[in-house]
Structures are given as structure tokens and as C-alpha cells.
Amino acid sequence: MQKIRAEAARTASTIVVRPAPGKKMRALVQVGGITVPAAIGRSGRSILKREGDGATPIAGMKLLYGFTRGDRVRFLRTALPMRHIRKDMLWCDQPDDANYNRPVKAPFKSSHEELQREDGLYDICLVLDWNVRSRRRNRGSAIFFHLIRPGYEPTAGCVAVSLRDMRRILPLLRRGTTVRVV
């Protein structure tokens, strides 16, 4: 644990996400001296993020905490607070619900995302402070830093990297690290 804390203390406080040349749905993620390929929103990036637009917000977003599927991914090295995903864990994406852009428990009637997914995207899922601490309706929800689909398919507005690259990046992260999408 001391080694993890020492690594986190040595790291830069910012992750930079910049567009990959010629591909609006791809990006390069840079953390310290590590640069890895990533997928971003199917609509690319936007300064005017709206619910359901498929864009990754151009913004600086703090890392709050993460979720992990302990039954699939083990032995993660990170100083970032991580919670194990349970079957009843959901994330509300219904703008007119009081729980908009918050974790909720099943059963839940309003529109939501399941955190325990079969496709593995959220086997490691880091929550970004996009519209979380100071929420505004229709501003966008469930903006995460998570794992990719095969072929780096675009996301619904998140930033996604491979499991291998996520394992390389995680030891460098802590609560409050800024993810800056430029």
C-alpha cells in the first residue's frame, strides 16, 4: 500500500485526452510519461454536452471514485477509492428524475444504466465529475473512464481504454486527478 501511495504522490495531477489525428471518435490519453489509445463518444467531443448526444465533453473533470467487477478483475493497484459492483447497482440517466446522474439501486423504474454489464465495459469504471456535484438537467450523465469495446468502438460520451492500459494507468490515479478533454 505504501508503494501505491508513493507512486500516486509522484504522478501528475492531470490526465490529458486529445483527439487522435483524423478520427473524431478516437483519442490519445496521456498520464505522466504514458500515452495510450482510447475511444471517445460516437459524436466526438463537444463544449455543449447534452443528454444522449453521444459526445465526450470538452472539459476538465475530476476523478471521484471507481467501480470494479471483483468477480472478473482482481488485484488492482490504485489509490483511487474503488467500490465493488453488485447486481443491483444502477446509474440513473433520466433527466427529470430526482436521482439524475446518480447511482441508484434496483429495482428502479426510471431510465438507467446497469453497472454490472455482460460486455465488460464497466469491469473497471471510473466516475468523472461531469454534472455530478452540481447537476443540471439534460447536461449529460454517466460520463465515465472505462474499458473499451473490441476495435475501439466509440462510446456514448465516455473515455475508454483497454484493460491492459487501464492497469498501467490506475496506479498513477487518485481522487481529484483531473481528466482534461481538449
N, C-alpha and C. Protein backbone atom coordinates (compact mmCIF):
# COMPACT_ATOMS: atom_id res chain seq x y z
N MET A 1 0.82 -1.19 0.00
CA MET A 1 0.00 0.00 0.00
C MET A 1 0.87 1.26 0.00
N GLN A 2 2.00 1.22 0.71
CA GLN A 2 2.88 2.38 0.71
C GLN A 2 3.45 2.65 -0.67
N LYS A 3 3.72 1.59 -1.43
CA LYS A 3 4.25 1.75 -2.77
C LYS A 3 3.22 2.44 -3.66
N ILE A 4 1.94 2.06 -3.54
CA ILE A 4 0.88 2.69 -4.32
C ILE A 4 0.79 4.18 -3.97
N ARG A 5 0.81 4.49 -2.70
CA ARG A 5 0.73 5.90 -2.27
C ARG A 5 1.93 6.69 -2.79
N ALA A 6 3.12 6.09 -2.74
CA ALA A 6 4.31 6.78 -3.23
C ALA A 6 4.20 7.03 -4.74
N GLU A 7 3.71 6.04 -5.51
CA GLU A 7 3.54 6.22 -6.95
C GLU A 7 2.53 7.33 -7.23
N ALA A 8 1.41 7.32 -6.51
CA ALA A 8 0.37 8.33 -6.73
C ALA A 8 0.89 9.72 -6.39
N ALA A 9 1.70 9.83 -5.35
CA ALA A 9 2.23 11.12 -4.95
C ALA A 9 3.20 11.67 -6.00
N ARG A 10 3.87 10.80 -6.74
CA ARG A 10 4.84 11.22 -7.76
C ARG A 10 4.19 11.60 -9.07
N THR A 11 2.94 11.28 -9.26
CA THR A 11 2.32 11.47 -10.56
C THR A 11 1.82 12.88 -10.78
N ALA A 12 1.62 13.19 -12.05
CA ALA A 12 1.00 14.46 -12.41
C ALA A 12 -0.46 14.41 -11.97
N SER A 13 -1.04 15.57 -11.75
CA SER A 13 -2.42 15.61 -11.28
C SER A 13 -3.42 15.67 -12.43
N THR A 14 -2.93 15.53 -13.67
CA THR A 14 -3.82 15.66 -14.83
C THR A 14 -3.62 14.52 -15.82
N ILE A 15 -4.73 14.03 -16.35
CA ILE A 15 -4.76 13.12 -17.49
C ILE A 15 -5.23 13.96 -18.66
N VAL A 16 -4.50 13.95 -19.76
CA VAL A 16 -4.90 14.72 -20.93
C VAL A 16 -5.46 13.76 -21.98
N VAL A 17 -6.65 14.09 -22.48
CA VAL A 17 -7.31 13.31 -23.53
C VAL A 17 -7.40 14.22 -24.75
N ARG A 18 -6.61 13.90 -25.79
CA ARG A 18 -6.62 14.72 -27.00
C ARG A 18 -7.07 13.89 -28.19
N PRO A 19 -7.66 14.55 -29.17
CA PRO A 19 -8.16 13.80 -30.33
C PRO A 19 -7.02 13.11 -31.08
N ALA A 20 -7.31 11.90 -31.56
CA ALA A 20 -6.34 11.20 -32.41
C ALA A 20 -6.44 11.81 -33.80
N PRO A 21 -5.33 11.93 -34.50
CA PRO A 21 -5.35 12.54 -35.83
C PRO A 21 -6.32 11.82 -36.78
N GLY A 22 -7.23 12.60 -37.38
CA GLY A 22 -8.12 12.09 -38.41
C GLY A 22 -9.29 11.24 -37.98
N LYS A 23 -9.49 11.03 -36.67
CA LYS A 23 -10.59 10.18 -36.21
C LYS A 23 -11.31 10.84 -35.05
N LYS A 24 -12.50 11.37 -35.29
CA LYS A 24 -13.19 12.12 -34.23
C LYS A 24 -13.66 11.24 -33.07
N MET A 25 -13.72 9.92 -33.26
CA MET A 25 -14.18 9.02 -32.21
C MET A 25 -13.02 8.34 -31.48
N ARG A 26 -11.81 8.77 -31.80
CA ARG A 26 -10.62 8.21 -31.16
C ARG A 26 -9.83 9.31 -30.49
N ALA A 27 -9.06 8.91 -29.48
CA ALA A 27 -8.25 9.88 -28.74
C ALA A 27 -6.96 9.24 -28.28
N LEU A 28 -6.09 10.07 -27.77
CA LEU A 28 -4.87 9.63 -27.10
C LEU A 28 -4.96 10.12 -25.67
N VAL A 29 -4.71 9.21 -24.72
CA VAL A 29 -4.75 9.53 -23.30
C VAL A 29 -3.32 9.57 -22.80
N GLN A 30 -2.95 10.69 -22.17
CA GLN A 30 -1.60 10.84 -21.65
C GLN A 30 -1.65 11.05 -20.15
N VAL A 31 -0.93 10.18 -19.43
CA VAL A 31 -0.79 10.25 -17.98
C VAL A 31 0.69 10.15 -17.69
N GLY A 32 1.27 11.22 -17.15
CA GLY A 32 2.71 11.20 -16.92
C GLY A 32 3.42 10.89 -18.22
N GLY A 33 4.30 9.89 -18.21
CA GLY A 33 5.02 9.51 -19.41
C GLY A 33 4.34 8.43 -20.23
N ILE A 34 3.11 8.08 -19.89
CA ILE A 34 2.38 7.02 -20.59
C ILE A 34 1.37 7.65 -21.55
N THR A 35 1.37 7.22 -22.81
CA THR A 35 0.36 7.64 -23.78
C THR A 35 -0.27 6.38 -24.37
N VAL A 36 -1.60 6.30 -24.33
CA VAL A 36 -2.31 5.11 -24.83
C VAL A 36 -3.48 5.54 -25.71
N PRO A 37 -3.87 4.65 -26.66
CA PRO A 37 -5.03 4.95 -27.50
C PRO A 37 -6.33 4.79 -26.70
N ALA A 38 -7.36 5.53 -27.13
CA ALA A 38 -8.64 5.49 -26.43
C ALA A 38 -9.77 5.69 -27.43
N ALA A 39 -10.95 5.28 -27.00
CA ALA A 39 -12.19 5.58 -27.73
C ALA A 39 -12.91 6.68 -26.96
N ILE A 40 -13.57 7.56 -27.71
CA ILE A 40 -14.40 8.59 -27.08
C ILE A 40 -15.79 8.53 -27.73
N GLY A 41 -16.61 9.50 -27.48
CA GLY A 41 -18.01 9.50 -27.93
C GLY A 41 -18.19 9.34 -29.43
N ARG A 42 -19.29 8.70 -29.80
CA ARG A 42 -19.60 8.46 -31.21
C ARG A 42 -19.75 9.77 -32.00
N SER A 43 -20.05 10.87 -31.29
CA SER A 43 -20.16 12.19 -31.93
C SER A 43 -18.91 13.03 -31.72
N GLY A 44 -17.84 12.40 -31.25
CA GLY A 44 -16.61 13.12 -31.00
C GLY A 44 -16.67 13.87 -29.68
N ARG A 45 -16.17 15.12 -29.69
CA ARG A 45 -16.11 15.94 -28.48
C ARG A 45 -17.02 17.15 -28.66
N SER A 46 -17.47 17.71 -27.53
CA SER A 46 -18.35 18.88 -27.60
C SER A 46 -18.19 19.76 -26.37
N ILE A 47 -18.26 21.08 -26.58
CA ILE A 47 -18.29 22.01 -25.44
C ILE A 47 -19.72 22.21 -24.96
N LEU A 48 -20.69 21.74 -25.73
CA LEU A 48 -22.11 21.89 -25.38
C LEU A 48 -22.73 20.52 -25.14
N LYS A 49 -22.19 19.76 -24.23
CA LYS A 49 -22.66 18.41 -23.92
C LYS A 49 -24.13 18.44 -23.51
N ARG A 50 -24.91 17.51 -24.13
CA ARG A 50 -26.33 17.35 -23.83
C ARG A 50 -26.61 15.85 -23.64
N GLU A 51 -27.61 15.54 -22.84
CA GLU A 51 -28.00 14.14 -22.60
C GLU A 51 -28.30 13.45 -23.92
N GLY A 52 -27.66 12.30 -24.15
CA GLY A 52 -27.95 11.48 -25.32
C GLY A 52 -27.28 11.90 -26.61
N ASP A 53 -26.43 12.94 -26.61
CA ASP A 53 -25.83 13.41 -27.86
C ASP A 53 -24.65 12.57 -28.33
N GLY A 54 -24.16 11.66 -27.49
CA GLY A 54 -23.05 10.80 -27.89
C GLY A 54 -21.70 11.49 -27.93
N ALA A 55 -21.60 12.67 -27.35
CA ALA A 55 -20.34 13.43 -27.37
C ALA A 55 -19.64 13.33 -26.02
N THR A 56 -18.32 13.37 -26.07
CA THR A 56 -17.50 13.45 -24.87
C THR A 56 -17.32 14.94 -24.56
N PRO A 57 -17.60 15.35 -23.32
CA PRO A 57 -17.48 16.78 -23.01
C PRO A 57 -16.05 17.29 -23.05
N ILE A 58 -15.85 18.43 -23.71
CA ILE A 58 -14.56 19.11 -23.66
C ILE A 58 -14.55 19.87 -22.35
N ALA A 59 -13.78 19.37 -21.40
CA ALA A 59 -13.81 19.92 -20.04
C ALA A 59 -12.71 19.30 -19.21
N GLY A 60 -12.49 19.89 -18.05
CA GLY A 60 -11.65 19.29 -17.02
C GLY A 60 -12.57 18.68 -15.99
N MET A 61 -12.44 17.37 -15.77
CA MET A 61 -13.34 16.65 -14.86
C MET A 61 -12.50 15.91 -13.83
N LYS A 62 -12.81 16.07 -12.57
CA LYS A 62 -12.08 15.38 -11.50
C LYS A 62 -12.52 13.92 -11.42
N LEU A 63 -11.57 13.04 -11.10
CA LEU A 63 -11.90 11.65 -10.79
C LEU A 63 -12.46 11.62 -9.37
N LEU A 64 -13.62 11.00 -9.18
CA LEU A 64 -14.25 10.93 -7.87
C LEU A 64 -13.96 9.61 -7.17
N TYR A 65 -14.24 8.50 -7.86
CA TYR A 65 -14.05 7.14 -7.34
C TYR A 65 -14.27 6.18 -8.49
N GLY A 66 -14.14 4.90 -8.23
CA GLY A 66 -14.34 3.92 -9.29
C GLY A 66 -15.16 2.74 -8.83
N PHE A 67 -15.60 1.98 -9.83
CA PHE A 67 -16.31 0.71 -9.61
C PHE A 67 -15.49 -0.39 -10.27
N THR A 68 -15.58 -1.58 -9.72
CA THR A 68 -14.91 -2.72 -10.35
C THR A 68 -15.73 -3.98 -10.17
N ARG A 69 -15.64 -4.86 -11.15
CA ARG A 69 -16.25 -6.19 -11.06
C ARG A 69 -15.22 -7.11 -10.44
N GLY A 70 -15.30 -7.29 -9.14
CA GLY A 70 -14.34 -8.13 -8.42
C GLY A 70 -14.35 -9.58 -8.86
N ASP A 71 -15.47 -10.03 -9.46
CA ASP A 71 -15.53 -11.40 -9.95
C ASP A 71 -14.79 -11.56 -11.28
N ARG A 72 -14.45 -10.46 -11.95
CA ARG A 72 -13.75 -10.52 -13.24
C ARG A 72 -12.36 -9.91 -13.20
N VAL A 73 -12.18 -8.85 -12.42
CA VAL A 73 -10.91 -8.13 -12.37
C VAL A 73 -10.45 -8.07 -10.93
N ARG A 74 -9.24 -8.55 -10.69
CA ARG A 74 -8.71 -8.59 -9.33
C ARG A 74 -7.35 -7.91 -9.27
N PHE A 75 -6.94 -7.64 -8.05
CA PHE A 75 -5.59 -7.13 -7.77
C PHE A 75 -5.29 -5.82 -8.50
N LEU A 76 -6.17 -4.86 -8.33
CA LEU A 76 -5.94 -3.54 -8.92
C LEU A 76 -5.07 -2.71 -7.99
N ARG A 77 -4.07 -2.07 -8.56
CA ARG A 77 -3.20 -1.18 -7.80
C ARG A 77 -3.62 0.25 -8.08
N THR A 78 -4.20 0.90 -7.08
CA THR A 78 -4.59 2.29 -7.23
C THR A 78 -4.86 2.91 -5.86
N ALA A 79 -4.64 4.21 -5.76
CA ALA A 79 -5.00 4.95 -4.56
C ALA A 79 -6.42 5.52 -4.69
N LEU A 80 -7.03 5.34 -5.83
CA LEU A 80 -8.39 5.82 -6.07
C LEU A 80 -9.38 4.95 -5.31
N PRO A 81 -10.34 5.54 -4.60
CA PRO A 81 -11.35 4.71 -3.91
C PRO A 81 -12.14 3.88 -4.93
N MET A 82 -12.22 2.58 -4.69
CA MET A 82 -12.92 1.67 -5.61
C MET A 82 -14.01 0.92 -4.86
N ARG A 83 -15.17 0.77 -5.50
CA ARG A 83 -16.30 0.03 -4.94
C ARG A 83 -16.57 -1.19 -5.81
N HIS A 84 -16.91 -2.30 -5.16
CA HIS A 84 -17.27 -3.50 -5.92
C HIS A 84 -18.69 -3.36 -6.46
N ILE A 85 -18.86 -3.72 -7.72
CA ILE A 85 -20.18 -3.64 -8.35
C ILE A 85 -21.01 -4.85 -7.95
N ARG A 86 -22.23 -4.56 -7.51
CA ARG A 86 -23.21 -5.61 -7.19
C ARG A 86 -24.28 -5.62 -8.28
N LYS A 87 -25.00 -6.70 -8.34
CA LYS A 87 -26.02 -6.86 -9.37
C LYS A 87 -27.10 -5.79 -9.32
N ASP A 88 -27.40 -5.25 -8.14
CA ASP A 88 -28.48 -4.27 -8.01
C ASP A 88 -28.02 -2.83 -8.24
N MET A 89 -26.77 -2.61 -8.65
CA MET A 89 -26.25 -1.26 -8.83
C MET A 89 -26.56 -0.74 -10.24
N LEU A 90 -27.17 0.45 -10.26
CA LEU A 90 -27.56 1.11 -11.50
C LEU A 90 -27.10 2.56 -11.45
N TRP A 91 -27.20 3.27 -12.60
CA TRP A 91 -26.89 4.70 -12.65
C TRP A 91 -28.03 5.38 -13.40
N CYS A 92 -28.71 6.31 -12.75
CA CYS A 92 -29.87 7.00 -13.32
C CYS A 92 -29.45 7.96 -14.42
N ASP A 93 -30.06 7.82 -15.61
CA ASP A 93 -29.80 8.75 -16.72
C ASP A 93 -31.08 9.44 -17.21
N GLN A 94 -32.07 9.49 -16.37
CA GLN A 94 -33.36 10.12 -16.68
C GLN A 94 -33.34 11.57 -16.18
N PRO A 95 -33.25 12.57 -17.10
CA PRO A 95 -33.08 13.96 -16.68
C PRO A 95 -34.15 14.51 -15.73
N ASP A 96 -35.39 14.03 -15.82
CA ASP A 96 -36.43 14.59 -14.95
C ASP A 96 -36.60 13.82 -13.65
N ASP A 97 -35.74 12.86 -13.37
CA ASP A 97 -35.79 12.11 -12.12
C ASP A 97 -34.91 12.81 -11.07
N ALA A 98 -35.34 12.80 -9.83
CA ALA A 98 -34.57 13.43 -8.75
C ALA A 98 -33.19 12.79 -8.57
N ASN A 99 -33.02 11.54 -9.04
CA ASN A 99 -31.75 10.82 -8.92
C ASN A 99 -30.87 10.96 -10.16
N TYR A 100 -31.22 11.86 -11.07
CA TYR A 100 -30.48 12.04 -12.32
C TYR A 100 -28.97 12.13 -12.06
N ASN A 101 -28.25 11.33 -12.82
CA ASN A 101 -26.79 11.27 -12.79
C ASN A 101 -26.26 10.89 -11.41
N ARG A 102 -26.92 9.91 -10.81
CA ARG A 102 -26.53 9.38 -9.51
C ARG A 102 -26.61 7.86 -9.55
N PRO A 103 -25.82 7.18 -8.70
CA PRO A 103 -26.01 5.73 -8.56
C PRO A 103 -27.33 5.46 -7.84
N VAL A 104 -28.03 4.42 -8.27
CA VAL A 104 -29.29 4.01 -7.66
C VAL A 104 -29.29 2.49 -7.55
N LYS A 105 -30.27 1.95 -6.85
CA LYS A 105 -30.39 0.50 -6.67
C LYS A 105 -31.61 -0.04 -7.40
N ALA A 106 -31.48 -1.25 -7.89
CA ALA A 106 -32.60 -1.96 -8.49
C ALA A 106 -33.50 -2.47 -7.37
N PRO A 107 -34.78 -2.54 -7.58
CA PRO A 107 -35.49 -2.16 -8.80
C PRO A 107 -35.62 -0.64 -8.90
N PHE A 108 -35.54 -0.11 -10.12
CA PHE A 108 -35.61 1.33 -10.36
C PHE A 108 -36.34 1.53 -11.67
N LYS A 109 -37.43 2.27 -11.65
CA LYS A 109 -38.31 2.40 -12.82
C LYS A 109 -37.81 3.37 -13.88
N SER A 110 -37.18 4.48 -13.48
CA SER A 110 -36.72 5.48 -14.46
C SER A 110 -35.58 4.91 -15.30
N SER A 111 -35.27 5.58 -16.39
CA SER A 111 -34.18 5.17 -17.28
C SER A 111 -32.87 5.12 -16.51
N HIS A 112 -32.07 4.07 -16.79
CA HIS A 112 -30.82 3.88 -16.05
C HIS A 112 -29.87 3.00 -16.86
N GLU A 113 -28.63 2.95 -16.41
CA GLU A 113 -27.63 2.02 -16.93
C GLU A 113 -27.33 1.01 -15.85
N GLU A 114 -27.14 -0.24 -16.25
CA GLU A 114 -26.71 -1.26 -15.31
C GLU A 114 -25.20 -1.16 -15.19
N LEU A 115 -24.69 -1.21 -13.97
CA LEU A 115 -23.25 -1.16 -13.79
C LEU A 115 -22.61 -2.55 -13.93
N GLN A 116 -23.36 -3.60 -13.63
CA GLN A 116 -22.84 -4.96 -13.80
C GLN A 116 -23.24 -5.44 -15.19
N ARG A 117 -22.40 -5.09 -16.16
CA ARG A 117 -22.69 -5.35 -17.57
C ARG A 117 -22.08 -6.67 -18.02
N GLU A 118 -22.74 -7.30 -18.97
CA GLU A 118 -22.21 -8.55 -19.54
C GLU A 118 -21.03 -8.30 -20.48
N ASP A 119 -21.01 -7.13 -21.15
CA ASP A 119 -19.96 -6.86 -22.14
C ASP A 119 -18.62 -6.45 -21.54
N GLY A 120 -18.54 -6.26 -20.24
CA GLY A 120 -17.27 -5.98 -19.58
C GLY A 120 -16.81 -4.53 -19.61
N LEU A 121 -17.57 -3.63 -20.22
CA LEU A 121 -17.15 -2.23 -20.30
C LEU A 121 -16.91 -1.61 -18.93
N TYR A 122 -17.72 -1.98 -17.96
CA TYR A 122 -17.60 -1.40 -16.62
C TYR A 122 -16.90 -2.33 -15.64
N ASP A 123 -16.15 -3.31 -16.13
CA ASP A 123 -15.38 -4.15 -15.21
C ASP A 123 -14.43 -3.28 -14.38
N ILE A 124 -13.95 -2.20 -14.99
CA ILE A 124 -13.28 -1.11 -14.28
C ILE A 124 -13.92 0.16 -14.82
N CYS A 125 -14.52 0.93 -13.95
CA CYS A 125 -15.28 2.11 -14.36
C CYS A 125 -15.01 3.24 -13.37
N LEU A 126 -14.40 4.31 -13.85
CA LEU A 126 -14.04 5.44 -13.01
C LEU A 126 -15.04 6.57 -13.22
N VAL A 127 -15.57 7.11 -12.15
CA VAL A 127 -16.60 8.15 -12.22
C VAL A 127 -15.93 9.51 -12.33
N LEU A 128 -16.28 10.24 -13.40
CA LEU A 128 -15.78 11.59 -13.62
C LEU A 128 -16.81 12.60 -13.12
N ASP A 129 -16.33 13.70 -12.58
CA ASP A 129 -17.24 14.72 -12.06
C ASP A 129 -17.76 15.60 -13.20
N TRP A 130 -18.51 14.97 -14.09
CA TRP A 130 -19.23 15.70 -15.12
C TRP A 130 -20.69 15.73 -14.69
N ASN A 131 -21.17 16.88 -14.29
CA ASN A 131 -22.57 17.06 -13.92
C ASN A 131 -22.96 16.19 -12.72
N VAL A 132 -22.00 15.88 -11.85
CA VAL A 132 -22.30 15.06 -10.68
C VAL A 132 -22.48 15.94 -9.44
N ARG A 133 -21.46 16.70 -9.09
CA ARG A 133 -21.54 17.51 -7.86
C ARG A 133 -22.49 18.68 -8.00
N SER A 134 -22.53 19.31 -9.15
CA SER A 134 -23.50 20.39 -9.38
C SER A 134 -24.28 20.02 -10.65
N ARG A 135 -25.38 19.28 -10.44
CA ARG A 135 -26.15 18.73 -11.56
C ARG A 135 -27.05 19.77 -12.23
N ARG A 136 -27.16 19.62 -13.55
CA ARG A 136 -28.13 20.38 -14.33
C ARG A 136 -28.83 19.40 -15.25
N ARG A 137 -30.15 19.49 -15.30
CA ARG A 137 -30.95 18.59 -16.14
C ARG A 137 -30.50 18.65 -17.60
N ASN A 138 -30.44 17.47 -18.23
CA ASN A 138 -30.09 17.32 -19.65
C ASN A 138 -28.65 17.70 -20.00
N ARG A 139 -27.80 17.88 -19.01
CA ARG A 139 -26.41 18.27 -19.27
C ARG A 139 -25.52 17.07 -19.56
N GLY A 140 -26.06 15.86 -19.36
CA GLY A 140 -25.30 14.65 -19.61
C GLY A 140 -25.08 13.87 -18.33
N SER A 141 -25.13 12.54 -18.45
CA SER A 141 -24.98 11.68 -17.28
C SER A 141 -24.09 10.49 -17.61
N ALA A 142 -23.63 9.83 -16.56
CA ALA A 142 -22.83 8.61 -16.68
C ALA A 142 -21.61 8.82 -17.58
N ILE A 143 -20.88 9.90 -17.35
CA ILE A 143 -19.64 10.14 -18.08
C ILE A 143 -18.52 9.50 -17.27
N PHE A 144 -18.04 8.38 -17.79
CA PHE A 144 -17.08 7.55 -17.08
C PHE A 144 -15.78 7.40 -17.88
N PHE A 145 -14.75 6.91 -17.21
CA PHE A 145 -13.50 6.48 -17.83
C PHE A 145 -13.50 4.97 -17.62
N HIS A 146 -13.72 4.20 -18.68
CA HIS A 146 -13.94 2.76 -18.53
C HIS A 146 -13.20 1.96 -19.59
N LEU A 147 -13.52 0.69 -19.71
CA LEU A 147 -12.84 -0.21 -20.65
C LEU A 147 -13.48 -0.14 -22.03
N ILE A 148 -12.70 -0.48 -23.05
CA ILE A 148 -13.14 -0.36 -24.44
C ILE A 148 -13.92 -1.58 -24.92
N ARG A 149 -14.62 -1.36 -26.01
CA ARG A 149 -15.20 -2.45 -26.79
C ARG A 149 -14.12 -2.90 -27.78
N PRO A 150 -14.23 -4.12 -28.29
CA PRO A 150 -13.25 -4.57 -29.29
C PRO A 150 -13.22 -3.60 -30.48
N GLY A 151 -12.02 -3.35 -31.00
CA GLY A 151 -11.86 -2.47 -32.15
C GLY A 151 -11.97 -0.99 -31.80
N TYR A 152 -11.93 -0.68 -30.51
CA TYR A 152 -12.03 0.71 -30.07
C TYR A 152 -13.29 1.38 -30.61
N GLU A 153 -14.40 0.66 -30.56
CA GLU A 153 -15.67 1.25 -30.99
C GLU A 153 -15.96 2.46 -30.11
N PRO A 154 -16.64 3.46 -30.67
CA PRO A 154 -16.92 4.68 -29.89
C PRO A 154 -17.83 4.42 -28.70
N THR A 155 -17.78 5.35 -27.76
CA THR A 155 -18.59 5.28 -26.54
C THR A 155 -19.84 6.15 -26.71
N ALA A 156 -20.64 6.22 -25.67
CA ALA A 156 -21.81 7.10 -25.67
C ALA A 156 -21.45 8.49 -25.14
N GLY A 157 -20.16 8.74 -24.88
CA GLY A 157 -19.70 10.03 -24.39
C GLY A 157 -18.58 9.91 -23.36
N CYS A 158 -18.20 8.69 -23.08
CA CYS A 158 -17.15 8.42 -22.09
C CYS A 158 -15.78 8.38 -22.76
N VAL A 159 -14.75 8.11 -21.96
CA VAL A 159 -13.40 7.84 -22.43
C VAL A 159 -13.12 6.39 -22.08
N ALA A 160 -12.63 5.61 -23.04
CA ALA A 160 -12.43 4.17 -22.81
C ALA A 160 -11.06 3.72 -23.31
N VAL A 161 -10.40 2.87 -22.51
CA VAL A 161 -9.09 2.31 -22.86
C VAL A 161 -9.13 0.80 -22.65
N SER A 162 -8.10 0.13 -23.12
CA SER A 162 -8.01 -1.32 -22.96
C SER A 162 -7.75 -1.68 -21.50
N LEU A 163 -8.05 -2.92 -21.13
CA LEU A 163 -7.79 -3.41 -19.77
C LEU A 163 -6.30 -3.30 -19.46
N ARG A 164 -5.47 -3.67 -20.39
CA ARG A 164 -4.01 -3.60 -20.19
C ARG A 164 -3.58 -2.17 -19.88
N ASP A 165 -4.07 -1.22 -20.68
CA ASP A 165 -3.70 0.18 -20.47
C ASP A 165 -4.31 0.74 -19.18
N MET A 166 -5.53 0.33 -18.85
CA MET A 166 -6.14 0.78 -17.59
C MET A 166 -5.30 0.32 -16.41
N ARG A 167 -4.82 -0.92 -16.45
CA ARG A 167 -3.96 -1.43 -15.37
C ARG A 167 -2.65 -0.63 -15.26
N ARG A 168 -2.13 -0.13 -16.37
CA ARG A 168 -0.92 0.69 -16.36
C ARG A 168 -1.19 2.07 -15.77
N ILE A 169 -2.38 2.60 -16.04
CA ILE A 169 -2.74 3.96 -15.63
C ILE A 169 -3.19 4.01 -14.17
N LEU A 170 -3.95 3.03 -13.72
CA LEU A 170 -4.56 3.06 -12.39
C LEU A 170 -3.61 3.39 -11.24
N PRO A 171 -2.40 2.84 -11.21
CA PRO A 171 -1.51 3.17 -10.08
C PRO A 171 -1.15 4.65 -10.01
N LEU A 172 -1.35 5.38 -11.09
CA LEU A 172 -1.00 6.79 -11.14
C LEU A 172 -2.15 7.71 -10.74
N LEU A 173 -3.32 7.12 -10.46
CA LEU A 173 -4.52 7.92 -10.22
C LEU A 173 -4.88 7.99 -8.75
N ARG A 174 -5.54 9.08 -8.41
CA ARG A 174 -6.07 9.26 -7.06
C ARG A 174 -7.31 10.14 -7.17
N ARG A 175 -8.08 10.21 -6.10
CA ARG A 175 -9.25 11.09 -6.08
C ARG A 175 -8.77 12.53 -6.34
N GLY A 176 -9.46 13.20 -7.25
CA GLY A 176 -9.10 14.58 -7.56
C GLY A 176 -8.22 14.74 -8.77
N THR A 177 -7.65 13.64 -9.29
CA THR A 177 -6.90 13.74 -10.54
C THR A 177 -7.86 14.31 -11.59
N THR A 178 -7.39 15.26 -12.37
CA THR A 178 -8.23 15.89 -13.40
C THR A 178 -8.06 15.17 -14.73
N VAL A 179 -9.18 14.82 -15.35
CA VAL A 179 -9.20 14.29 -16.71
C VAL A 179 -9.58 15.48 -17.59
N ARG A 180 -8.62 15.96 -18.38
CA ARG A 180 -8.84 17.14 -19.22
C ARG A 180 -9.00 16.71 -20.67
N VAL A 181 -10.22 16.82 -21.17
CA VAL A 181 -10.50 16.53 -22.58
C VAL A 181 -10.34 17.83 -23.34
N VAL A 182 -9.41 17.83 -24.31
CA VAL A 182 -9.12 19.05 -25.08
C VAL A 182 -9.55 18.90 -26.52
